[in-house]
C-alpha atoms as a PDB file:
ATOM      1  CA  UNK A   1     -30.877  -8.076   0.713  1.00  0.00           C
ATOM      2  CA  UNK A   2     -27.974 -10.408   1.488  1.00  0.00           C
ATOM      3  CA  UNK A   3     -28.209 -12.372   4.703  1.00  0.00           C
ATOM      4  CA  UNK A   4     -25.969 -11.211   7.555  1.00  0.00           C
ATOM      5  CA  UNK A   5     -22.675 -12.990   7.973  1.00  0.00           C
ATOM      6  CA  UNK A   6     -22.365 -14.833  11.265  1.00  0.00           C
ATOM      7  CA  UNK A   7     -19.966 -17.752  10.826  1.00  0.00           C
ATOM      8  CA  UNK A   8     -16.322 -17.554   9.803  1.00  0.00           C
ATOM      9  CA  UNK A   9     -13.733 -20.021   8.589  1.00  0.00           C
ATOM     10  CA  UNK A  10     -10.152 -18.856   9.005  1.00  0.00           C
ATOM     11  CA  UNK A  11      -7.269 -20.576   7.231  1.00  0.00           C
ATOM     12  CA  UNK A  12      -3.743 -19.904   8.467  1.00  0.00           C
ATOM     13  CA  UNK A  13      -2.707 -19.712  12.121  1.00  0.00           C
ATOM     14  CA  UNK A  14       0.748 -18.248  11.777  1.00  0.00           C
ATOM     15  CA  UNK A  15       2.172 -15.068  13.282  1.00  0.00           C
ATOM     16  CA  UNK A  16      -0.804 -13.043  12.019  1.00  0.00           C
ATOM     17  CA  UNK A  17      -3.563 -15.628  11.776  1.00  0.00           C
ATOM     18  CA  UNK A  18      -3.407 -16.873  15.361  1.00  0.00           C
ATOM     19  CA  UNK A  19      -3.924 -13.472  17.022  1.00  0.00           C
ATOM     20  CA  UNK A  20      -6.595 -12.672  14.402  1.00  0.00           C
ATOM     21  CA  UNK A  21      -8.423 -15.854  15.337  1.00  0.00           C
ATOM     22  CA  UNK A  22      -8.107 -15.060  19.033  1.00  0.00           C
ATOM     23  CA  UNK A  23      -9.581 -11.606  18.492  1.00  0.00           C
ATOM     24  CA  UNK A  24     -12.511 -12.953  16.465  1.00  0.00           C
ATOM     25  CA  UNK A  25     -13.408 -15.563  19.083  1.00  0.00           C
ATOM     26  CA  UNK A  26     -13.241 -13.015  21.879  1.00  0.00           C
ATOM     27  CA  UNK A  27     -15.471 -10.702  19.830  1.00  0.00           C
ATOM     28  CA  UNK A  28     -18.120 -13.422  19.727  1.00  0.00           C
ATOM     29  CA  UNK A  29     -17.765 -14.737  16.183  1.00  0.00           C
ATOM     30  CA  UNK A  30     -18.608 -18.359  15.416  1.00  0.00           C
ATOM     31  CA  UNK A  31     -15.160 -19.396  14.216  1.00  0.00           C
ATOM     32  CA  UNK A  32     -13.726 -22.532  12.639  1.00  0.00           C
ATOM     33  CA  UNK A  33      -9.988 -22.654  11.983  1.00  0.00           C
ATOM     34  CA  UNK A  34      -7.652 -24.630   9.763  1.00  0.00           C
ATOM     35  CA  UNK A  35      -3.878 -24.833   9.610  1.00  0.00           C
ATOM     36  CA  UNK A  36      -1.470 -27.336   8.107  1.00  0.00           C
ATOM     37  CA  UNK A  37       0.014 -27.633  11.608  1.00  0.00           C
ATOM     38  CA  UNK A  38      -3.035 -28.818  13.546  1.00  0.00           C
ATOM     39  CA  UNK A  39      -1.464 -28.091  16.932  1.00  0.00           C
ATOM     40  CA  UNK A  40      -1.525 -24.358  16.203  1.00  0.00           C
ATOM     41  CA  UNK A  41      -5.299 -24.401  16.657  1.00  0.00           C
ATOM     42  CA  UNK A  42      -5.114 -25.452  20.302  1.00  0.00           C
ATOM     43  CA  UNK A  43      -5.026 -21.936  21.865  1.00  0.00           C
ATOM     44  CA  UNK A  44      -8.122 -20.726  19.984  1.00  0.00           C
ATOM     45  CA  UNK A  45      -9.970 -24.013  20.415  1.00  0.00           C
ATOM     46  CA  UNK A  46      -9.489 -23.490  24.153  1.00  0.00           C
ATOM     47  CA  UNK A  47     -11.268 -20.144  23.735  1.00  0.00           C
ATOM     48  CA  UNK A  48     -14.206 -21.649  21.848  1.00  0.00           C
ATOM     49  CA  UNK A  49     -13.195 -21.977  18.197  1.00  0.00           C
ATOM     50  CA  UNK A  50     -13.630 -25.217  16.263  1.00  0.00           C
ATOM     51  CA  UNK A  51     -10.685 -26.862  14.514  1.00  0.00           C
ATOM     52  CA  UNK A  52     -11.410 -28.538  11.174  1.00  0.00           C
ATOM     53  CA  UNK A  53      -9.282 -30.968   9.146  1.00  0.00           C
ATOM     54  CA  UNK A  54      -9.660 -29.504   5.656  1.00  0.00           C
ATOM     55  CA  UNK A  55     -11.213 -26.765   3.524  1.00  0.00           C
ATOM     56  CA  UNK A  56     -14.258 -28.917   2.762  1.00  0.00           C
ATOM     57  CA  UNK A  57     -15.187 -28.695   6.445  1.00  0.00           C
ATOM     58  CA  UNK A  58     -15.571 -24.920   5.997  1.00  0.00           C
ATOM     59  CA  UNK A  59     -18.346 -25.268   3.404  1.00  0.00           C
ATOM     60  CA  UNK A  60     -21.043 -24.094   5.820  1.00  0.00           C
ATOM     61  CA  UNK A  61     -19.198 -20.904   6.816  1.00  0.00           C
ATOM     62  CA  UNK A  62     -20.560 -17.550   5.619  1.00  0.00           C
ATOM     63  CA  UNK A  63     -17.097 -16.025   5.276  1.00  0.00           C
ATOM     64  CA  UNK A  64     -13.723 -17.526   4.450  1.00  0.00           C
ATOM     65  CA  UNK A  65     -10.775 -15.546   5.848  1.00  0.00           C
ATOM     66  CA  UNK A  66      -7.309 -16.242   4.468  1.00  0.00           C
ATOM     67  CA  UNK A  67      -4.190 -15.446   6.498  1.00  0.00           C
ATOM     68  CA  UNK A  68      -1.824 -17.755   4.639  1.00  0.00           C
ATOM     69  CA  UNK A  69       1.785 -16.908   3.723  1.00  0.00           C
ATOM     70  CA  UNK A  70       1.738 -15.996   0.032  1.00  0.00           C
ATOM     71  CA  UNK A  71      -0.027 -15.782  -3.326  1.00  0.00           C
ATOM     72  CA  UNK A  72       0.358 -19.479  -4.086  1.00  0.00           C
ATOM     73  CA  UNK A  73      -1.187 -20.498  -0.769  1.00  0.00           C
ATOM     74  CA  UNK A  74      -4.092 -18.078  -1.246  1.00  0.00           C
ATOM     75  CA  UNK A  75      -4.813 -19.507  -4.683  1.00  0.00           C
ATOM     76  CA  UNK A  76      -4.549 -23.101  -3.504  1.00  0.00           C
ATOM     77  CA  UNK A  77      -7.002 -22.622  -0.636  1.00  0.00           C
ATOM     78  CA  UNK A  78      -9.378 -20.563  -2.764  1.00  0.00           C
ATOM     79  CA  UNK A  79      -9.502 -23.143  -5.545  1.00  0.00           C
ATOM     80  CA  UNK A  80     -10.356 -25.843  -3.016  1.00  0.00           C
ATOM     81  CA  UNK A  81     -13.066 -23.663  -1.513  1.00  0.00           C
ATOM     82  CA  UNK A  82     -14.621 -22.702  -4.846  1.00  0.00           C
ATOM     83  CA  UNK A  83     -14.842 -26.377  -5.775  1.00  0.00           C
ATOM     84  CA  UNK A  84     -17.381 -26.713  -2.948  1.00  0.00           C
ATOM     85  CA  UNK A  85     -19.838 -24.590  -4.990  1.00  0.00           C
ATOM     86  CA  UNK A  86     -20.985 -22.179  -2.284  1.00  0.00           C
ATOM     87  CA  UNK A  87     -22.426 -19.131  -4.103  1.00  0.00           C
ATOM     88  CA  UNK A  88     -23.287 -16.127  -1.975  1.00  0.00           C
ATOM     89  CA  UNK A  89     -20.281 -16.531   0.274  1.00  0.00           C
ATOM     90  CA  UNK A  90     -17.515 -13.961   0.841  1.00  0.00           C
ATOM     91  CA  UNK A  91     -13.750 -14.474   0.863  1.00  0.00           C
ATOM     92  CA  UNK A  92     -11.545 -12.004   2.752  1.00  0.00           C
ATOM     93  CA  UNK A  93      -7.850 -12.117   1.864  1.00  0.00           C
ATOM     94  CA  UNK A  94      -5.754 -10.721   4.706  1.00  0.00           C
ATOM     95  CA  UNK A  95      -2.558 -12.121   3.170  1.00  0.00           C
ATOM     96  CA  UNK A  96      -0.168  -9.722   1.464  1.00  0.00           C
ATOM     97  CA  UNK A  97      -0.370 -10.571  -2.243  1.00  0.00           C
ATOM     98  CA  UNK A  98       0.288  -8.964  -5.603  1.00  0.00           C
ATOM     99  CA  UNK A  99      -2.454  -6.598  -6.844  1.00  0.00           C
ATOM    100  CA  UNK A 100      -2.767  -8.679 -10.001  1.00  0.00           C
ATOM    101  CA  UNK A 101      -3.242 -11.811  -7.897  1.00  0.00           C
ATOM    102  CA  UNK A 102      -6.112 -10.175  -6.023  1.00  0.00           C
ATOM    103  CA  UNK A 103      -7.879  -8.979  -9.167  1.00  0.00           C
ATOM    104  CA  UNK A 104      -7.432 -12.286 -10.987  1.00  0.00           C
ATOM    105  CA  UNK A 105      -8.689 -14.378  -8.085  1.00  0.00           C
ATOM    106  CA  UNK A 106     -11.632 -12.025  -7.540  1.00  0.00           C
ATOM    107  CA  UNK A 107     -12.685 -12.697 -11.137  1.00  0.00           C
ATOM    108  CA  UNK A 108     -12.337 -16.443 -10.621  1.00  0.00           C
ATOM    109  CA  UNK A 109     -14.401 -16.237  -7.429  1.00  0.00           C
ATOM    110  CA  UNK A 110     -17.077 -14.109  -9.099  1.00  0.00           C
ATOM    111  CA  UNK A 111     -17.545 -16.800 -11.744  1.00  0.00           C
ATOM    112  CA  UNK A 112     -18.547 -19.101  -8.874  1.00  0.00           C
ATOM    113  CA  UNK A 113     -20.898 -16.545  -7.305  1.00  0.00           C
ATOM    114  CA  UNK A 114     -18.452 -15.718  -4.522  1.00  0.00           C
ATOM    115  CA  UNK A 115     -17.347 -12.188  -3.597  1.00  0.00           C
ATOM    116  CA  UNK A 116     -13.658 -11.673  -2.837  1.00  0.00           C
ATOM    117  CA  UNK A 117     -12.084  -8.614  -1.307  1.00  0.00           C
ATOM    118  CA  UNK A 118      -8.431  -8.025  -0.629  1.00  0.00           C
ATOM    119  CA  UNK A 119      -8.018  -6.679   2.872  1.00  0.00           C
ATOM    120  CA  UNK A 120      -4.358  -6.842   3.864  1.00  0.00           C
ATOM    121  CA  UNK A 121      -3.530  -5.457   7.264  1.00  0.00           C
ATOM    122  CA  UNK A 122      -0.776  -3.473   8.928  1.00  0.00           C
ATOM    123  CA  UNK A 123       0.180  -3.367  12.587  1.00  0.00           C
ATOM    124  CA  UNK A 124       1.713  -6.734  13.341  1.00  0.00           C
ATOM    125  CA  UNK A 125       0.740  -9.527  15.691  1.00  0.00           C
ATOM    126  CA  UNK A 126       0.406  -7.244  18.705  1.00  0.00           C
ATOM    127  CA  UNK A 127      -2.319  -5.111  17.113  1.00  0.00           C
ATOM    128  CA  UNK A 128      -3.956  -8.202  15.603  1.00  0.00           C
ATOM    129  CA  UNK A 129      -4.414  -9.430  19.150  1.00  0.00           C
ATOM    130  CA  UNK A 130      -6.140  -6.219  20.235  1.00  0.00           C
ATOM    131  CA  UNK A 131      -8.357  -5.728  17.181  1.00  0.00           C
ATOM    132  CA  UNK A 132      -6.616  -2.497  16.185  1.00  0.00           C
ATOM    133  CA  UNK A 133      -5.013  -3.397  12.867  1.00  0.00           C
ATOM    134  CA  UNK A 134      -5.170  -0.992   9.968  1.00  0.00           C
ATOM    135  CA  UNK A 135      -7.242  -2.790   7.335  1.00  0.00           C
ATOM    136  CA  UNK A 136      -6.615  -1.710   3.734  1.00  0.00           C
ATOM    137  CA  UNK A 137      -9.690  -2.919   1.884  1.00  0.00           C
ATOM    138  CA  UNK A 138      -9.937  -3.237  -1.874  1.00  0.00           C
ATOM    139  CA  UNK A 139     -13.544  -4.064  -2.669  1.00  0.00           C
ATOM    140  CA  UNK A 140     -16.853  -3.179  -4.209  1.00  0.00           C
ATOM    141  CA  UNK A 141     -18.503  -0.840  -1.663  1.00  0.00           C
ATOM    142  CA  UNK A 142     -21.520  -3.122  -1.215  1.00  0.00           C
ATOM    143  CA  UNK A 143     -19.310  -6.132  -0.511  1.00  0.00           C
ATOM    144  CA  UNK A 144     -17.260  -4.120   1.959  1.00  0.00           C
ATOM    145  CA  UNK A 145     -20.354  -3.019   3.854  1.00  0.00           C
ATOM    146  CA  UNK A 146     -21.591  -6.591   4.018  1.00  0.00           C
ATOM    147  CA  UNK A 147     -18.363  -7.778   5.654  1.00  0.00           C
ATOM    148  CA  UNK A 148     -17.634  -4.617   7.637  1.00  0.00           C
ATOM    149  CA  UNK A 149     -18.777  -6.030  11.014  1.00  0.00           C
ATOM    150  CA  UNK A 150     -16.133  -8.733  10.666  1.00  0.00           C
ATOM    151  CA  UNK A 151     -13.428  -6.279   9.635  1.00  0.00           C
ATOM    152  CA  UNK A 152     -14.396  -3.925  12.460  1.00  0.00           C
ATOM    153  CA  UNK A 153     -13.723  -6.756  14.904  1.00  0.00           C
ATOM    154  CA  UNK A 154     -10.062  -6.941  13.889  1.00  0.00           C
ATOM    155  CA  UNK A 155      -9.358  -3.471  12.547  1.00  0.00           C
ATOM    156  CA  UNK A 156      -9.397   0.131  13.650  1.00  0.00           C
ATOM    157  CA  UNK A 157      -9.348   1.813  11.237  1.00  0.00           C
ATOM    158  CA  UNK A 158     -10.898  -0.071   8.327  1.00  0.00           C
ATOM    159  CA  UNK A 159     -10.026   1.935   5.219  1.00  0.00           C
ATOM    160  CA  UNK A 160     -11.650   1.518   1.797  1.00  0.00           C
ATOM    161  CA  UNK A 161      -8.790   2.339  -0.567  1.00  0.00           C
ATOM    162  CA  UNK A 162     -10.413   1.393  -3.879  1.00  0.00           C
ATOM    163  CA  UNK A 163     -11.569  -1.616  -5.918  1.00  0.00           C
ATOM    164  CA  UNK A 164     -10.215  -5.130  -5.599  1.00  0.00           C
ATOM    165  CA  UNK A 165      -6.437  -4.993  -6.017  1.00  0.00           C
ATOM    166  CA  UNK A 166      -6.144  -1.555  -4.435  1.00  0.00           C
ATOM    167  CA  UNK A 167      -5.826  -3.051  -0.973  1.00  0.00           C
ATOM    168  CA  UNK A 168      -2.881  -5.153  -2.089  1.00  0.00           C
ATOM    169  CA  UNK A 169      -1.281  -2.153  -3.789  1.00  0.00           C
ATOM    170  CA  UNK A 170      -1.732   0.055  -0.722  1.00  0.00           C
ATOM    171  CA  UNK A 171      -0.239  -2.633   1.517  1.00  0.00           C
ATOM    172  CA  UNK A 172       2.826  -3.027  -0.691  1.00  0.00           C
ATOM    173  CA  UNK A 173       3.204   0.765  -0.827  1.00  0.00           C
ATOM    174  CA  UNK A 174       3.123   0.782   2.972  1.00  0.00           C
ATOM    175  CA  UNK A 175       5.756  -1.938   3.078  1.00  0.00           C
ATOM    176  CA  UNK A 176       8.020   0.039   0.764  1.00  0.00           C
ATOM    177  CA  UNK A 177       7.649   3.165   2.898  1.00  0.00           C
ATOM    178  CA  UNK A 178       8.184   1.245   6.120  1.00  0.00           C
ATOM    179  CA  UNK A 179      11.228  -0.706   4.998  1.00  0.00           C
ATOM    180  CA  UNK A 180      12.841   2.330   3.386  1.00  0.00           C
ATOM    181  CA  UNK A 181      12.522   4.028   6.777  1.00  0.00           C
ATOM    182  CA  UNK A 182      13.959   0.991   8.548  1.00  0.00           C
ATOM    183  CA  UNK A 183      16.950   0.861   6.208  1.00  0.00           C
ATOM    184  CA  UNK A 184      17.517   4.571   6.793  1.00  0.00           C
ATOM    185  CA  UNK A 185      17.502   4.125  10.569  1.00  0.00           C
ATOM    186  CA  UNK A 186      19.951   1.231  10.401  1.00  0.00           C
ATOM    187  CA  UNK A 187      22.263   3.276   8.186  1.00  0.00           C
ATOM    188  CA  UNK A 188      21.939   6.340  10.420  1.00  0.00           C
ATOM    189  CA  UNK A 189      22.930   4.233  13.438  1.00  0.00           C
ATOM    190  CA  UNK A 190      26.050   3.017  11.635  1.00  0.00           C
ATOM    191  CA  UNK A 191      26.948   6.530  10.521  1.00  0.00           C
ATOM    192  CA  UNK A 192      26.449   8.040  13.975  1.00  0.00           C
ATOM    193  CA  UNK A 193      28.353   5.236  15.702  1.00  0.00           C
ATOM    194  CA  UNK A 194      31.347   5.847  13.444  1.00  0.00           C
ATOM    195  CA  UNK A 195      31.394   9.401  14.804  1.00  0.00           C
ATOM    196  CA  UNK A 196      31.081   8.479  18.468  1.00  0.00           C
ATOM    197  CA  UNK A 197      27.309   8.762  18.901  1.00  0.00           C
ATOM    198  CA  UNK A 198      25.825   5.893  20.899  1.00  0.00           C
ATOM    199  CA  UNK A 199      22.719   4.246  19.439  1.00  0.00           C
ATOM    200  CA  UNK A 200      20.528   5.109  22.436  1.00  0.00           C
ATOM    201  CA  UNK A 201      21.634   8.741  22.278  1.00  0.00           C
ATOM    202  CA  UNK A 202      20.837   8.925  18.571  1.00  0.00           C
ATOM    203  CA  UNK A 203      17.391   7.371  18.945  1.00  0.00           C
ATOM    204  CA  UNK A 204      16.589   9.768  21.794  1.00  0.00           C
ATOM    205  CA  UNK A 205      17.680  12.687  19.628  1.00  0.00           C
ATOM    206  CA  UNK A 206      15.500  11.524  16.754  1.00  0.00           C
ATOM    207  CA  UNK A 207      12.399  11.454  18.965  1.00  0.00           C
ATOM    208  CA  UNK A 208      12.280  15.264  19.094  1.00  0.00           C
ATOM    209  CA  UNK A 209      13.763  15.903  15.661  1.00  0.00           C
ATOM    210  CA  UNK A 210      12.351  15.855  12.145  1.00  0.00           C
ATOM    211  CA  UNK A 211      13.906  12.424  11.703  1.00  0.00           C
ATOM    212  CA  UNK A 212      11.448  10.984  14.234  1.00  0.00           C
ATOM    213  CA  UNK A 213       9.366   8.001  13.102  1.00  0.00           C
ATOM    214  CA  UNK A 214       7.462   5.033  14.466  1.00  0.00           C
ATOM    215  CA  UNK A 215      10.222   2.841  13.062  1.00  0.00           C
ATOM    216  CA  UNK A 216      12.959   4.628  15.011  1.00  0.00           C
ATOM    217  CA  UNK A 217      10.916   4.575  18.221  1.00  0.00           C
ATOM    218  CA  UNK A 218      10.112   0.873  17.877  1.00  0.00           C
ATOM    219  CA  UNK A 219      13.313  -0.589  16.499  1.00  0.00           C
ATOM    220  CA  UNK A 220      12.957  -3.634  18.722  1.00  0.00           C
ATOM    221  CA  UNK A 221       9.715  -4.557  16.940  1.00  0.00           C
ATOM    222  CA  UNK A 222      11.704  -6.021  14.073  1.00  0.00           C
ATOM    223  CA  UNK A 223      13.941  -8.018  16.386  1.00  0.00           C
ATOM    224  CA  UNK A 224      10.873  -9.517  18.096  1.00  0.00           C
ATOM    225  CA  UNK A 225       9.223 -10.210  14.762  1.00  0.00           C
ATOM    226  CA  UNK A 226      12.311 -11.967  13.415  1.00  0.00           C
ATOM    227  CA  UNK A 227      12.507 -14.037  16.598  1.00  0.00           C
ATOM    228  CA  UNK A 228       8.862 -15.053  16.198  1.00  0.00           C
ATOM    229  CA  UNK A 229       9.540 -16.123  12.623  1.00  0.00           C
ATOM    230  CA  UNK A 230      12.532 -18.124  13.828  1.00  0.00           C
ATOM    231  CA  UNK A 231      10.353 -19.856  16.400  1.00  0.00           C
ATOM    232  CA  UNK A 232       7.657 -20.716  13.850  1.00  0.00           C
ATOM    233  CA  UNK A 233      10.204 -21.914  11.296  1.00  0.00           C
ATOM    234  CA  UNK A 234       9.280 -19.310   8.683  1.00  0.00           C
ATOM    235  CA  UNK A 235      11.969 -19.200   5.961  1.00  0.00           C
ATOM    236  CA  UNK A 236      13.764 -15.879   5.537  1.00  0.00           C
ATOM    237  CA  UNK A 237      12.504 -15.653   1.947  1.00  0.00           C
ATOM    238  CA  UNK A 238       8.908 -15.729   3.226  1.00  0.00           C
ATOM    239  CA  UNK A 239       9.391 -12.934   5.775  1.00  0.00           C
ATOM    240  CA  UNK A 240       7.990  -9.516   4.822  1.00  0.00           C
ATOM    241  CA  UNK A 241      11.356  -7.767   4.493  1.00  0.00           C
ATOM    242  CA  UNK A 242      12.122 -10.336   1.788  1.00  0.00           C
ATOM    243  CA  UNK A 243       8.806 -11.414   0.247  1.00  0.00           C
ATOM    244  CA  UNK A 244       6.947  -8.103   0.327  1.00  0.00           C
ATOM    245  CA  UNK A 245       9.803  -6.078  -1.131  1.00  0.00           C
ATOM    246  CA  UNK A 246      10.181  -8.643  -3.903  1.00  0.00           C
ATOM    247  CA  UNK A 247       6.464  -8.263  -4.607  1.00  0.00           C
ATOM    248  CA  UNK A 248       6.784  -4.468  -4.753  1.00  0.00           C
ATOM    249  CA  UNK A 249       9.413  -4.884  -7.453  1.00  0.00           C
ATOM    250  CA  UNK A 250       7.328  -7.462  -9.314  1.00  0.00           C
ATOM    251  CA  UNK A 251       4.138  -5.393  -9.190  1.00  0.00           C
ATOM    252  CA  UNK A 252       6.011  -2.246 -10.223  1.00  0.00           C
ATOM    253  CA  UNK A 253       7.527  -4.056 -13.177  1.00  0.00           C
ATOM    254  CA  UNK A 254       4.064  -5.185 -14.296  1.00  0.00           C
ATOM    255  CA  UNK A 255       2.774  -1.611 -13.993  1.00  0.00           C
ATOM    256  CA  UNK A 256       5.894  -0.170 -15.651  1.00  0.00           C
ATOM    257  CA  UNK A 257       6.631   2.022 -12.631  1.00  0.00           C
ATOM    258  CA  UNK A 258      10.317   2.604 -11.782  1.00  0.00           C
ATOM    259  CA  UNK A 259      11.111   1.719  -8.159  1.00  0.00           C
ATOM    260  CA  UNK A 260      14.914   1.802  -7.870  1.00  0.00           C
ATOM    261  CA  UNK A 261      14.828   2.163  -4.079  1.00  0.00           C
ATOM    262  CA  UNK A 262      12.602  -0.895  -3.734  1.00  0.00           C
ATOM    263  CA  UNK A 263      14.961  -2.854  -5.947  1.00  0.00           C
ATOM    264  CA  UNK A 264      17.942  -1.960  -3.762  1.00  0.00           C
ATOM    265  CA  UNK A 265      16.036  -2.764  -0.567  1.00  0.00           C
ATOM    266  CA  UNK A 266      14.909  -6.121  -1.947  1.00  0.00           C
ATOM    267  CA  UNK A 267      18.550  -7.050  -2.472  1.00  0.00           C
ATOM    268  CA  UNK A 268      20.026  -5.763   0.789  1.00  0.00           C
ATOM    269  CA  UNK A 269      17.588  -5.236   3.652  1.00  0.00           C
ATOM    270  CA  UNK A 270      16.793  -8.813   4.681  1.00  0.00           C
ATOM    271  CA  UNK A 271      20.379  -9.598   5.635  1.00  0.00           C
ATOM    272  CA  UNK A 272      20.538  -6.461   7.787  1.00  0.00           C
ATOM    273  CA  UNK A 273      17.262  -7.162   9.598  1.00  0.00           C
ATOM    274  CA  UNK A 274      18.298 -10.725  10.367  1.00  0.00           C
ATOM    275  CA  UNK A 275      21.769  -9.601  11.519  1.00  0.00           C
ATOM    276  CA  UNK A 276      20.308  -6.941  13.822  1.00  0.00           C
ATOM    277  CA  UNK A 277      17.900  -9.471  15.331  1.00  0.00           C
ATOM    278  CA  UNK A 278      20.713 -11.930  16.020  1.00  0.00           C
ATOM    279  CA  UNK A 279      22.773  -9.222  17.712  1.00  0.00           C
ATOM    280  CA  UNK A 280      19.800  -8.178  19.844  1.00  0.00           C
ATOM    281  CA  UNK A 281      19.291 -11.769  20.976  1.00  0.00           C
ATOM    282  CA  UNK A 282      22.845 -12.126  22.320  1.00  0.00           C
END
């Protein structure tokens, strides 16, 4: 029987990683953190986490958690970690990546005796800070059960959606659904305004109509998220309304699945989200 997992190394303290780290420390996990911007570790170090200077300093951790921006960053950190030759460890990828990236890197990790599961999350920084993210886990069932106590600390619910790669696919499918809804709300606001309907009146009407949605009821979420990305210096191309939609198109192309709506959104939505956020900040 595999030994229980008690110590965690978390790489990436951005808009998602920092509240994740805070939640893990408050839940009692022995946590070490790493970020290219060392000052980002200060809030969680104050709570009891340990800051480390490089991946090699995470060699003694039972679990490596990745909350880095993209596929390339995931691969870079993983390759450095695997070079430490730590069989029996587990890697949890919370980053949103391509399904084919998750499956390929899981195979690479397995060759080193390391289990990898893709466990992207949905809910944003606010839910990361309260341990109520939706975790979309792609994993072998035995691996998932081994790491479930860790996932339960940050997620409610934790959903097993299939083998490695399925978590990434489910997350991108969620992003497509979410951003299609957001684009529809923006367009509906424009349409209604052209006919004399104030935005607040429209959103109130939607709340008790079949057009109701979480997106419509929380339109300011995207403005706050864009502002947080501005503050952290995250490039527009790396923000989910750009990066994730581009990955939907890329993954669909690889699977030979037509996604014309995703293609249109990937070309148009980012500019609208950024424009709306700027207007809200005035």
